[in-house]
Amino acid sequence: MIKAIETRYKGYRFRSRLEARWAVFFDFMEWEWQYEKEGFTLPSGMYLPDFWIATVNMWAEVKPKPLNSHEKKLAKELAAATAFQFYVWILQSR
């Protein structure tokens, strides 16, 4: 596993370059977004989604690999608790 490299963009300190690259993409699409807007206490535990994309009323998570079963459960619980869709972008490193 490659260690994530913190990256700054638009005043945010992203935990990884992958997250920062998606923020650049969201800007290209002219989508209004917030990084790690708020955390949630869900039945399966605490969860802090990567992005809130206000333009399309959607939570987004950016990962270098597919979600594990616990992460999937948290994503479903967040979508149910907030009544907003949840989308995961997976981009594996080359």
Protein backbone atom coordinates (compact mmCIF):
# COMPACT_ATOMS: atom_id res chain seq x y z
CA MET A 1 0.00 0.00 0.00
CA ILE A 2 1.33 3.39 -1.01
CA LYS A 3 1.26 6.03 1.73
CA ALA A 4 -1.07 8.97 1.03
CA ILE A 5 0.56 12.36 0.48
CA GLU A 6 -1.19 15.34 2.04
CA THR A 7 -1.97 17.97 -0.57
CA ARG A 8 -3.20 21.56 -0.32
CA TYR A 9 -5.75 22.98 -2.74
CA LYS A 10 -8.10 25.96 -2.41
CA GLY A 11 -7.35 26.39 1.29
CA TYR A 12 -8.07 22.75 2.15
CA ARG A 13 -5.52 20.23 3.39
CA PHE A 14 -6.50 16.98 1.73
CA ARG A 15 -5.39 13.71 3.24
CA SER A 16 -4.28 12.47 -0.19
CA ARG A 17 -3.47 13.66 -3.68
CA LEU A 18 -6.30 11.50 -4.94
CA GLU A 19 -8.84 13.54 -2.96
CA ALA A 20 -7.29 16.80 -4.18
CA ARG A 21 -7.47 15.61 -7.79
CA TRP A 22 -11.19 14.95 -7.39
CA ALA A 23 -11.65 18.44 -5.95
CA VAL A 24 -10.01 19.80 -9.12
CA PHE A 25 -12.41 17.69 -11.19
CA PHE A 26 -15.42 18.97 -9.21
CA ASP A 27 -14.22 22.52 -9.90
CA PHE A 28 -13.87 21.70 -13.60
CA MET A 29 -17.47 20.48 -13.56
CA GLU A 30 -18.41 23.72 -11.75
CA TRP A 31 -19.87 21.76 -8.86
CA GLU A 32 -20.00 23.44 -5.47
CA TRP A 33 -18.32 21.12 -2.96
CA GLN A 34 -17.06 21.01 0.61
CA TYR A 35 -14.32 18.73 1.89
CA GLU A 36 -15.09 16.78 5.07
CA LYS A 37 -18.08 19.03 5.77
CA GLU A 38 -19.30 17.19 8.87
CA GLY A 39 -19.01 13.91 10.71
CA PHE A 40 -21.86 11.60 11.63
CA THR A 41 -22.60 9.15 14.41
CA LEU A 42 -24.26 6.21 12.70
CA PRO A 43 -25.44 2.84 14.06
CA SER A 44 -22.24 1.18 12.79
CA GLY A 45 -19.88 3.91 14.04
CA MET A 46 -18.51 7.36 13.36
CA TYR A 47 -18.19 8.48 9.76
CA LEU A 48 -16.67 11.50 8.03
CA PRO A 49 -17.45 11.49 4.29
CA ASP A 50 -14.84 13.05 2.01
CA PHE A 51 -17.09 15.44 0.10
CA TRP A 52 -20.48 17.07 0.17
CA ILE A 53 -21.34 18.12 -3.38
CA ALA A 54 -24.07 20.72 -3.00
CA THR A 55 -24.68 21.17 -6.72
CA VAL A 56 -26.04 17.63 -6.99
CA ASN A 57 -27.02 17.07 -3.31
CA MET A 58 -24.74 14.09 -2.86
CA TRP A 59 -22.12 12.69 -0.50
CA ALA A 60 -18.95 11.41 -2.16
CA GLU A 61 -16.13 9.20 -1.00
CA VAL A 62 -12.83 8.87 -2.88
CA LYS A 63 -10.90 5.64 -2.50
CA PRO A 64 -7.94 3.92 -4.19
CA LYS A 65 -9.74 0.56 -3.83
CA PRO A 66 -13.31 -0.74 -3.37
CA LEU A 67 -15.04 -0.20 -0.03
CA ASN A 68 -14.86 -2.99 2.51
CA SER A 69 -18.05 -4.34 4.08
CA HIS A 70 -17.92 -1.94 7.07
CA GLU A 71 -17.39 1.08 4.81
CA LYS A 72 -20.30 -0.02 2.61
CA LYS A 73 -22.51 -0.31 5.67
CA LEU A 74 -21.56 3.20 6.84
CA ALA A 75 -22.24 4.61 3.36
CA LYS A 76 -25.72 3.04 3.27
CA GLU A 77 -26.48 4.29 6.77
CA LEU A 78 -25.36 7.82 5.86
CA ALA A 79 -27.56 7.84 2.75
CA ALA A 80 -30.54 6.62 4.78
CA ALA A 81 -29.94 9.05 7.67
CA THR A 82 -29.58 12.13 5.48
CA ALA A 83 -31.86 11.15 2.55
CA PHE A 84 -29.08 12.07 0.11
CA GLN A 85 -27.34 9.77 -2.31
CA PHE A 86 -23.86 8.50 -1.66
CA TYR A 87 -21.37 7.90 -4.45
CA VAL A 88 -17.92 6.33 -4.33
CA TRP A 89 -15.19 7.16 -6.82
CA ILE A 90 -12.51 4.51 -6.99
CA LEU A 91 -9.29 5.32 -8.78
CA GLN A 92 -6.51 2.84 -8.39
CA SER A 93 -2.93 4.02 -8.51
CA ARG A 94 -0.86 3.13 -11.53
